[in-house]
Every structure is written in structure tokens, then in C-alpha cells.
Amino acid sequence: MAGKEGGSISAAEVATFLKGIDFPKSKDELIDHAEENNAPDELIDFLDKLPDKRFFSMADVEHEVSLLK
């Protein structure tokens, strides 16, 4: 994963482990889906830093991911 040294996860990596998800979803539902897709702990920890809100699209998730970098 690209984030191993820099500590940041890319939106593409997040999208990979959220593939097939239907929106809207809460942060906890995003994490559950990523776990079901065998996301590494590093990515789960990163998703846990997202704000507690409803996400209405992958673009919405990607926007929040970009704010965490």
C-alpha cells in the first residue's frame, strides 16, 4: 500500500476496498464494507478518521479522504 511510509491512504485505495458499496452509508457502514473486502488494518484505521456523517457517493468519500491528507 502506498501509505506505508507516508502514512496517507489514496482515494483509489479506499475505492478498491469499497467496491460494490451502495450509498448512502454511515462511516461505520463504510468500515464494515471495507472489512468484508479484507481491507488491511491501516486502511480501516484511516477510515475511522473520517467524520461521523452519512456519505452519499464515492465522490463524497473521496472528498473527505482528500481532507485527511
PDB file of N, CA and C in Angstrom:
ATOM      1  N   MET A   1       0.814  -1.192   0.000  1.00  0.00           N
ATOM      2  CA  MET A   1       0.000   0.000   0.000  1.00  0.00           C
ATOM      3  C   MET A   1       0.851   1.246   0.000  1.00  0.00           C
ATOM      4  N   ALA A   2       0.407   2.248  -0.685  1.00  0.00           N
ATOM      5  CA  ALA A   2       1.175   3.471  -0.820  1.00  0.00           C
ATOM      6  C   ALA A   2       1.362   4.181   0.503  1.00  0.00           C
ATOM      7  N   GLY A   3       0.463   3.974   1.440  1.00  0.00           N
ATOM      8  CA  GLY A   3       0.510   4.711   2.675  1.00  0.00           C
ATOM      9  C   GLY A   3       1.504   4.183   3.703  1.00  0.00           C
ATOM     10  N   LYS A   4       2.218   3.121   3.416  1.00  0.00           N
ATOM     11  CA  LYS A   4       3.073   2.505   4.419  1.00  0.00           C
ATOM     12  C   LYS A   4       4.123   3.450   4.977  1.00  0.00           C
ATOM     13  N   GLU A   5       4.779   4.234   4.123  1.00  0.00           N
ATOM     14  CA  GLU A   5       5.815   5.119   4.621  1.00  0.00           C
ATOM     15  C   GLU A   5       5.273   6.497   4.933  1.00  0.00           C
ATOM     16  N   GLY A   6       4.440   7.042   4.043  1.00  0.00           N
ATOM     17  CA  GLY A   6       3.963   8.403   4.225  1.00  0.00           C
ATOM     18  C   GLY A   6       2.814   8.522   5.201  1.00  0.00           C
ATOM     19  N   GLY A   7       2.142   7.419   5.481  1.00  0.00           N
ATOM     20  CA  GLY A   7       1.052   7.459   6.423  1.00  0.00           C
ATOM     21  C   GLY A   7      -0.267   7.893   5.821  1.00  0.00           C
ATOM     22  N   SER A   8      -0.304   8.113   4.511  1.00  0.00           N
ATOM     23  CA  SER A   8      -1.570   8.518   3.899  1.00  0.00           C
ATOM     24  C   SER A   8      -2.066   7.431   2.966  1.00  0.00           C
ATOM     25  N   ILE A   9      -3.361   7.357   2.854  1.00  0.00           N
ATOM     26  CA  ILE A   9      -4.032   6.386   2.004  1.00  0.00           C
ATOM     27  C   ILE A   9      -4.633   7.166   0.841  1.00  0.00           C
ATOM     28  N   SER A  10      -4.521   6.619  -0.354  1.00  0.00           N
ATOM     29  CA  SER A  10      -5.084   7.310  -1.512  1.00  0.00           C
ATOM     30  C   SER A  10      -6.574   7.012  -1.654  1.00  0.00           C
ATOM     31  N   ALA A  11      -7.253   7.921  -2.341  1.00  0.00           N
ATOM     32  CA  ALA A  11      -8.679   7.717  -2.621  1.00  0.00           C
ATOM     33  C   ALA A  11      -8.871   6.444  -3.437  1.00  0.00           C
ATOM     34  N   ALA A  12      -7.935   6.134  -4.318  1.00  0.00           N
ATOM     35  CA  ALA A  12      -8.030   4.920  -5.138  1.00  0.00           C
ATOM     36  C   ALA A  12      -7.972   3.667  -4.267  1.00  0.00           C
ATOM     37  N   GLU A  13      -7.119   3.677  -3.251  1.00  0.00           N
ATOM     38  CA  GLU A  13      -7.037   2.534  -2.337  1.00  0.00           C
ATOM     39  C   GLU A  13      -8.339   2.368  -1.569  1.00  0.00           C
ATOM     40  N   VAL A  14      -8.894   3.476  -1.114  1.00  0.00           N
ATOM     41  CA  VAL A  14     -10.174   3.427  -0.403  1.00  0.00           C
ATOM     42  C   VAL A  14     -11.250   2.869  -1.332  1.00  0.00           C
ATOM     43  N   ALA A  15     -11.302   3.378  -2.555  1.00  0.00           N
ATOM     44  CA  ALA A  15     -12.315   2.933  -3.517  1.00  0.00           C
ATOM     45  C   ALA A  15     -12.197   1.442  -3.809  1.00  0.00           C
ATOM     46  N   THR A  16     -10.978   0.922  -3.841  1.00  0.00           N
ATOM     47  CA  THR A  16     -10.762  -0.503  -4.093  1.00  0.00           C
ATOM     48  C   THR A  16     -11.471  -1.363  -3.057  1.00  0.00           C
ATOM     49  N   PHE A  17     -11.376  -0.965  -1.797  1.00  0.00           N
ATOM     50  CA  PHE A  17     -11.966  -1.776  -0.724  1.00  0.00           C
ATOM     51  C   PHE A  17     -13.420  -1.427  -0.441  1.00  0.00           C
ATOM     52  N   LEU A  18     -13.926  -0.395  -1.110  1.00  0.00           N
ATOM     53  CA  LEU A  18     -15.352  -0.069  -1.001  1.00  0.00           C
ATOM     54  C   LEU A  18     -16.109  -0.458  -2.265  1.00  0.00           C
ATOM     55  N   LYS A  19     -15.452  -1.194  -3.130  1.00  0.00           N
ATOM     56  CA  LYS A  19     -16.073  -1.617  -4.389  1.00  0.00           C
ATOM     57  C   LYS A  19     -17.385  -2.339  -4.124  1.00  0.00           C
ATOM     58  N   GLY A  20     -18.410  -1.966  -4.897  1.00  0.00           N
ATOM     59  CA  GLY A  20     -19.708  -2.620  -4.790  1.00  0.00           C
ATOM     60  C   GLY A  20     -20.616  -2.059  -3.715  1.00  0.00           C
ATOM     61  N   ILE A  21     -20.173  -1.034  -3.010  1.00  0.00           N
ATOM     62  CA  ILE A  21     -20.986  -0.472  -1.932  1.00  0.00           C
ATOM     63  C   ILE A  21     -22.115   0.381  -2.510  1.00  0.00           C
ATOM     64  N   ASP A  22     -23.252   0.333  -1.864  1.00  0.00           N
ATOM     65  CA  ASP A  22     -24.395   1.184  -2.231  1.00  0.00           C
ATOM     66  C   ASP A  22     -24.473   2.327  -1.232  1.00  0.00           C
ATOM     67  N   PHE A  23     -24.814   3.481  -1.727  1.00  0.00           N
ATOM     68  CA  PHE A  23     -24.944   4.672  -0.874  1.00  0.00           C
ATOM     69  C   PHE A  23     -26.405   5.040  -0.718  1.00  0.00           C
ATOM     70  N   PRO A  24     -26.763   5.781   0.333  1.00  0.00           N
ATOM     71  CA  PRO A  24     -25.909   6.378   1.373  1.00  0.00           C
ATOM     72  C   PRO A  24     -25.477   5.365   2.431  1.00  0.00           C
ATOM     73  N   LYS A  25     -24.332   5.676   3.070  1.00  0.00           N
ATOM     74  CA  LYS A  25     -23.787   4.846   4.141  1.00  0.00           C
ATOM     75  C   LYS A  25     -23.199   5.732   5.230  1.00  0.00           C
ATOM     76  N   SER A  26     -23.222   5.221   6.442  1.00  0.00           N
ATOM     77  CA  SER A  26     -22.552   5.901   7.558  1.00  0.00           C
ATOM     78  C   SER A  26     -21.076   5.518   7.539  1.00  0.00           C
ATOM     79  N   LYS A  27     -20.280   6.220   8.333  1.00  0.00           N
ATOM     80  CA  LYS A  27     -18.863   5.876   8.443  1.00  0.00           C
ATOM     81  C   LYS A  27     -18.706   4.425   8.897  1.00  0.00           C
ATOM     82  N   ASP A  28     -19.479   4.003   9.887  1.00  0.00           N
ATOM     83  CA  ASP A  28     -19.372   2.629  10.381  1.00  0.00           C
ATOM     84  C   ASP A  28     -19.718   1.612   9.299  1.00  0.00           C
ATOM     85  N   GLU A  29     -20.682   1.936   8.457  1.00  0.00           N
ATOM     86  CA  GLU A  29     -21.044   1.026   7.361  1.00  0.00           C
ATOM     87  C   GLU A  29     -19.933   0.959   6.314  1.00  0.00           C
ATOM     88  N   LEU A  30     -19.247   2.082   6.086  1.00  0.00           N
ATOM     89  CA  LEU A  30     -18.094   2.071   5.170  1.00  0.00           C
ATOM     90  C   LEU A  30     -17.020   1.138   5.724  1.00  0.00           C
ATOM     91  N   ILE A  31     -16.754   1.256   7.015  1.00  0.00           N
ATOM     92  CA  ILE A  31     -15.738   0.420   7.652  1.00  0.00           C
ATOM     93  C   ILE A  31     -16.137  -1.051   7.576  1.00  0.00           C
ATOM     94  N   ASP A  32     -17.391  -1.365   7.862  1.00  0.00           N
ATOM     95  CA  ASP A  32     -17.868  -2.754   7.782  1.00  0.00           C
ATOM     96  C   ASP A  32     -17.664  -3.318   6.379  1.00  0.00           C
ATOM     97  N   HIS A  33     -17.999  -2.523   5.367  1.00  0.00           N
ATOM     98  CA  HIS A  33     -17.866  -2.981   3.980  1.00  0.00           C
ATOM     99  C   HIS A  33     -16.394  -3.220   3.641  1.00  0.00           C
ATOM    100  N   ALA A  34     -15.540  -2.301   4.053  1.00  0.00           N
ATOM    101  CA  ALA A  34     -14.104  -2.463   3.790  1.00  0.00           C
ATOM    102  C   ALA A  34     -13.564  -3.720   4.480  1.00  0.00           C
ATOM    103  N   GLU A  35     -14.013  -3.977   5.701  1.00  0.00           N
ATOM    104  CA  GLU A  35     -13.584  -5.178   6.417  1.00  0.00           C
ATOM    105  C   GLU A  35     -14.039  -6.444   5.684  1.00  0.00           C
ATOM    106  N   GLU A  36     -15.270  -6.416   5.158  1.00  0.00           N
ATOM    107  CA  GLU A  36     -15.783  -7.565   4.398  1.00  0.00           C
ATOM    108  C   GLU A  36     -14.956  -7.801   3.133  1.00  0.00           C
ATOM    109  N   ASN A  37     -14.339  -6.734   2.621  1.00  0.00           N
ATOM    110  CA  ASN A  37     -13.490  -6.841   1.426  1.00  0.00           C
ATOM    111  C   ASN A  37     -12.019  -7.031   1.798  1.00  0.00           C
ATOM    112  N   ASN A  38     -11.778  -7.450   3.041  1.00  0.00           N
ATOM    113  CA  ASN A  38     -10.429  -7.775   3.517  1.00  0.00           C
ATOM    114  C   ASN A  38      -9.451  -6.611   3.442  1.00  0.00           C
ATOM    115  N   ALA A  39      -9.932  -5.421   3.755  1.00  0.00           N
ATOM    116  CA  ALA A  39      -9.055  -4.249   3.787  1.00  0.00           C
ATOM    117  C   ALA A  39      -8.029  -4.414   4.903  1.00  0.00           C
ATOM    118  N   PRO A  40      -6.806  -3.950   4.673  1.00  0.00           N
ATOM    119  CA  PRO A  40      -5.785  -4.027   5.722  1.00  0.00           C
ATOM    120  C   PRO A  40      -6.118  -3.101   6.896  1.00  0.00           C
ATOM    121  N   ASP A  41      -5.565  -3.414   8.049  1.00  0.00           N
ATOM    122  CA  ASP A  41      -5.823  -2.621   9.256  1.00  0.00           C
ATOM    123  C   ASP A  41      -5.505  -1.144   9.051  1.00  0.00           C
ATOM    124  N   GLU A  42      -4.452  -0.869   8.301  1.00  0.00           N
ATOM    125  CA  GLU A  42      -4.057   0.516   8.037  1.00  0.00           C
ATOM    126  C   GLU A  42      -5.188   1.292   7.366  1.00  0.00           C
ATOM    127  N   LEU A  43      -5.872   0.659   6.426  1.00  0.00           N
ATOM    128  CA  LEU A  43      -6.967   1.326   5.734  1.00  0.00           C
ATOM    129  C   LEU A  43      -8.181   1.470   6.644  1.00  0.00           C
ATOM    130  N   ILE A  44      -8.447   0.478   7.459  1.00  0.00           N
ATOM    131  CA  ILE A  44      -9.564   0.558   8.407  1.00  0.00           C
ATOM    132  C   ILE A  44      -9.316   1.695   9.397  1.00  0.00           C
ATOM    133  N   ASP A  45      -8.092   1.799   9.903  1.00  0.00           N
ATOM    134  CA  ASP A  45      -7.748   2.882  10.824  1.00  0.00           C
ATOM    135  C   ASP A  45      -7.934   4.241  10.156  1.00  0.00           C
ATOM    136  N   PHE A  46      -7.566   4.324   8.886  1.00  0.00           N
ATOM    137  CA  PHE A  46      -7.722   5.568   8.131  1.00  0.00           C
ATOM    138  C   PHE A  46      -9.201   5.928   7.994  1.00  0.00           C
ATOM    139  N   LEU A  47     -10.036   4.950   7.640  1.00  0.00           N
ATOM    140  CA  LEU A  47     -11.475   5.210   7.506  1.00  0.00           C
ATOM    141  C   LEU A  47     -12.080   5.656   8.832  1.00  0.00           C
ATOM    142  N   ASP A  48     -11.540   5.159   9.917  1.00  0.00           N
ATOM    143  CA  ASP A  48     -12.057   5.529  11.231  1.00  0.00           C
ATOM    144  C   ASP A  48     -11.817   7.011  11.541  1.00  0.00           C
ATOM    145  N   LYS A  49     -10.922   7.647  10.815  1.00  0.00           N
ATOM    146  CA  LYS A  49     -10.641   9.082  10.999  1.00  0.00           C
ATOM    147  C   LYS A  49     -11.619   9.965  10.228  1.00  0.00           C
ATOM    148  N   LEU A  50     -12.437   9.359   9.374  1.00  0.00           N
ATOM    149  CA  LEU A  50     -13.440  10.134   8.640  1.00  0.00           C
ATOM    150  C   LEU A  50     -14.469  10.696   9.618  1.00  0.00           C
ATOM    151  N   PRO A  51     -15.115  11.794   9.245  1.00  0.00           N
ATOM    152  CA  PRO A  51     -16.140  12.351  10.146  1.00  0.00           C
ATOM    153  C   PRO A  51     -17.352  11.419  10.263  1.00  0.00           C
ATOM    154  N   ASP A  52     -18.021  11.496  11.400  1.00  0.00           N
ATOM    155  CA  ASP A  52     -19.237  10.707  11.612  1.00  0.00           C
ATOM    156  C   ASP A  52     -20.388  11.406  10.897  1.00  0.00           C
ATOM    157  N   LYS A  53     -20.635  10.976   9.681  1.00  0.00           N
ATOM    158  CA  LYS A  53     -21.706  11.551   8.868  1.00  0.00           C
ATOM    159  C   LYS A  53     -22.161  10.512   7.864  1.00  0.00           C
ATOM    160  N   ARG A  54     -23.201  10.843   7.124  1.00  0.00           N
ATOM    161  CA  ARG A  54     -23.650   9.960   6.047  1.00  0.00           C
ATOM    162  C   ARG A  54     -22.932  10.356   4.773  1.00  0.00           C
ATOM    163  N   PHE A  55     -22.484   9.364   4.053  1.00  0.00           N
ATOM    164  CA  PHE A  55     -21.812   9.572   2.777  1.00  0.00           C
ATOM    165  C   PHE A  55     -22.791   9.175   1.683  1.00  0.00           C
ATOM    166  N   PHE A  56     -22.944  10.051   0.693  1.00  0.00           N
ATOM    167  CA  PHE A  56     -23.967   9.846  -0.326  1.00  0.00           C
ATOM    168  C   PHE A  56     -23.433   9.352  -1.661  1.00  0.00           C
ATOM    169  N   SER A  57     -22.105   9.311  -1.797  1.00  0.00           N
ATOM    170  CA  SER A  57     -21.496   8.810  -3.035  1.00  0.00           C
ATOM    171  C   SER A  57     -20.024   8.540  -2.780  1.00  0.00           C
ATOM    172  N   MET A  58     -19.384   7.845  -3.729  1.00  0.00           N
ATOM    173  CA  MET A  58     -17.950   7.618  -3.617  1.00  0.00           C
ATOM    174  C   MET A  58     -17.215   8.951  -3.701  1.00  0.00           C
ATOM    175  N   ALA A  59     -17.747   9.895  -4.481  1.00  0.00           N
ATOM    176  CA  ALA A  59     -17.128  11.224  -4.570  1.00  0.00           C
ATOM    177  C   ALA A  59     -17.136  11.906  -3.202  1.00  0.00           C
ATOM    178  N   ASP A  60     -18.197  11.706  -2.442  1.00  0.00           N
ATOM    179  CA  ASP A  60     -18.305  12.254  -1.095  1.00  0.00           C
ATOM    180  C   ASP A  60     -17.204  11.666  -0.198  1.00  0.00           C
ATOM    181  N   VAL A  61     -17.015  10.357  -0.288  1.00  0.00           N
ATOM    182  CA  VAL A  61     -15.962   9.682   0.481  1.00  0.00           C
ATOM    183  C   VAL A  61     -14.600  10.216   0.051  1.00  0.00           C
ATOM    184  N   GLU A  62     -14.370  10.282  -1.252  1.00  0.00           N
ATOM    185  CA  GLU A  62     -13.077  10.729  -1.776  1.00  0.00           C
ATOM    186  C   GLU A  62     -12.769  12.161  -1.335  1.00  0.00           C
ATOM    187  N   HIS A  63     -13.787  13.010  -1.274  1.00  0.00           N
ATOM    188  CA  HIS A  63     -13.582  14.379  -0.806  1.00  0.00           C
ATOM    189  C   HIS A  63     -13.081  14.390   0.628  1.00  0.00           C
ATOM    190  N   GLU A  64     -13.725  13.611   1.483  1.00  0.00           N
ATOM    191  CA  GLU A  64     -13.312  13.548   2.896  1.00  0.00           C
ATOM    192  C   GLU A  64     -11.926  12.933   3.036  1.00  0.00           C
ATOM    193  N   VAL A  65     -11.612  11.941   2.207  1.00  0.00           N
ATOM    194  CA  VAL A  65     -10.274  11.327   2.224  1.00  0.00           C
ATOM    195  C   VAL A  65      -9.229  12.387   1.886  1.00  0.00           C
ATOM    196  N   SER A  66      -9.520  13.216   0.909  1.00  0.00           N
ATOM    197  CA  SER A  66      -8.559  14.249   0.494  1.00  0.00           C
ATOM    198  C   SER A  66      -8.302  15.261   1.622  1.00  0.00           C
ATOM    199  N   LEU A  67      -9.294  15.482   2.464  1.00  0.00           N
ATOM    200  CA  LEU A  67      -9.141  16.418   3.571  1.00  0.00           C
ATOM    201  C   LEU A  67      -8.265  15.864   4.691  1.00  0.00           C
ATOM    202  N   LEU A  68      -8.121  14.543   4.747  1.00  0.00           N
ATOM    203  CA  LEU A  68      -7.319  13.906   5.789  1.00  0.00           C
ATOM    204  C   LEU A  68      -5.839  13.861   5.455  1.00  0.00           C
ATOM    205  N   LYS A  69      -5.482  14.171   4.233  1.00  0.00           N
ATOM    206  CA  LYS A  69      -4.069  14.056   3.817  1.00  0.00           C
ATOM    207  C   LYS A  69      -3.218  15.168   4.353  1.00  0.00           C
TER     208      LYS A  69
END
